[in-house]
Amino acid sequence: MSKFAVFLLTCFLVLSINSSVLAGDNSPGGPSMGAVMLDIFVHRPLGLCGTILGASAYAISLPVTAHFKKKEEVSKILVKEPYDYTFKRPLGEK
């Protein structure tokens, strides 16, 4: 692995763990540590891939969707929903 990839992965890990600590959600009814770790290492990276692929598919389909005036609907499905899943939902929640 290149040094840059290791650096990015390290930053991702540190920022992900710090954001859950700073959130202050230590209530007994909150998500378990296993759910948070699964979210950090599996669901978030897959969500990021889905966001990138959805944005690419949206850009490719833009001429057709613009012709049929469905840009907003397709944008919501291909870009907004994966983005919200990846970046806006709390850690450990589905």
Protein backbone atom coordinates (compact mmCIF):
# COMPACT_ATOMS: atom_id res chain seq x y z
CA MET A 1 0.00 0.00 0.00
CA SER A 2 1.22 3.48 -0.71
CA LYS A 3 1.99 5.91 2.07
CA PHE A 4 -0.85 8.15 0.95
CA ALA A 5 -3.41 5.33 1.21
CA VAL A 6 -2.17 4.44 4.69
CA PHE A 7 -2.39 8.10 5.67
CA LEU A 8 -5.96 8.38 4.39
CA LEU A 9 -7.06 5.21 6.18
CA THR A 10 -5.44 6.39 9.41
CA CYS A 11 -7.17 9.78 9.17
CA PHE A 12 -10.49 8.09 8.45
CA LEU A 13 -10.13 5.82 11.47
CA VAL A 14 -9.06 8.60 13.84
CA LEU A 15 -11.81 10.97 12.72
CA SER A 16 -14.46 8.28 12.86
CA ILE A 17 -13.59 7.23 16.39
CA ASN A 18 -13.28 10.82 17.60
CA SER A 19 -16.64 11.81 16.17
CA SER A 20 -18.39 9.07 18.14
CA VAL A 21 -16.55 10.07 21.32
CA LEU A 22 -17.38 13.74 20.89
CA ALA A 23 -21.02 13.00 20.21
CA GLY A 24 -21.48 12.08 23.87
CA ASP A 25 -24.03 9.35 23.21
CA ASN A 26 -23.12 7.04 26.06
CA SER A 27 -26.69 6.24 27.01
CA PRO A 28 -27.46 2.61 27.80
CA GLY A 29 -30.01 2.50 24.97
CA GLY A 30 -27.48 3.60 22.35
CA PRO A 31 -25.83 1.39 19.72
CA SER A 32 -23.33 -1.20 20.89
CA MET A 33 -19.62 -0.85 20.25
CA GLY A 34 -19.81 -3.75 17.77
CA ALA A 35 -22.50 -1.96 15.78
CA VAL A 36 -20.43 1.21 15.72
CA MET A 37 -17.29 -0.63 14.58
CA LEU A 38 -19.22 -2.50 11.89
CA ASP A 39 -20.61 0.82 10.74
CA ILE A 40 -17.17 2.45 10.64
CA PHE A 41 -15.36 -0.34 8.84
CA VAL A 42 -18.07 -1.80 6.58
CA HIS A 43 -21.19 0.29 6.12
CA ARG A 44 -19.58 3.73 5.77
CA PRO A 45 -16.98 2.68 3.16
CA LEU A 46 -19.65 0.81 1.20
CA GLY A 47 -21.91 3.85 1.46
CA LEU A 48 -19.11 6.05 0.14
CA CYS A 49 -18.66 3.70 -2.81
CA GLY A 50 -22.41 3.79 -3.40
CA THR A 51 -22.39 7.58 -3.30
CA ILE A 52 -19.56 7.76 -5.84
CA LEU A 53 -21.14 5.19 -8.14
CA GLY A 54 -24.55 6.86 -7.83
CA ALA A 55 -23.10 10.27 -8.67
CA SER A 56 -21.35 8.76 -11.69
CA ALA A 57 -24.53 7.06 -12.86
CA TYR A 58 -26.42 10.32 -12.36
CA ALA A 59 -23.88 12.23 -14.46
CA ILE A 60 -24.06 9.63 -17.22
CA SER A 61 -27.87 9.56 -17.23
CA LEU A 62 -28.24 13.34 -17.02
CA PRO A 63 -29.00 13.93 -20.74
CA VAL A 64 -31.86 11.42 -20.65
CA THR A 65 -33.25 12.52 -17.30
CA ALA A 66 -33.09 16.18 -18.31
CA HIS A 67 -35.05 15.42 -21.46
CA PHE A 68 -37.83 13.73 -19.44
CA LYS A 69 -37.62 16.37 -16.66
CA LYS A 70 -36.82 13.81 -13.95
CA LYS A 71 -33.48 15.22 -12.77
CA GLU A 72 -34.60 15.88 -9.18
CA GLU A 73 -36.15 12.44 -8.73
CA VAL A 74 -33.11 10.62 -10.12
CA SER A 75 -30.77 12.86 -8.13
CA LYS A 76 -32.62 11.98 -4.93
CA ILE A 77 -32.40 8.25 -5.58
CA LEU A 78 -28.84 8.03 -6.93
CA VAL A 79 -27.04 10.77 -5.00
CA LYS A 80 -28.95 12.17 -2.02
CA GLU A 81 -30.06 8.91 -0.39
CA PRO A 82 -26.58 7.25 -0.46
CA TYR A 83 -25.01 10.52 0.72
CA ASP A 84 -27.43 10.81 3.65
CA TYR A 85 -26.86 7.15 4.54
CA THR A 86 -23.11 7.62 4.52
CA PHE A 87 -22.59 11.04 6.06
CA LYS A 88 -25.71 12.16 7.95
CA ARG A 89 -26.94 9.18 9.93
CA PRO A 90 -25.58 8.58 13.45
CA LEU A 91 -22.88 5.96 13.93
CA GLY A 92 -24.17 2.49 14.63
CA GLU A 93 -27.72 3.12 13.41
CA LYS A 94 -29.23 1.67 10.26
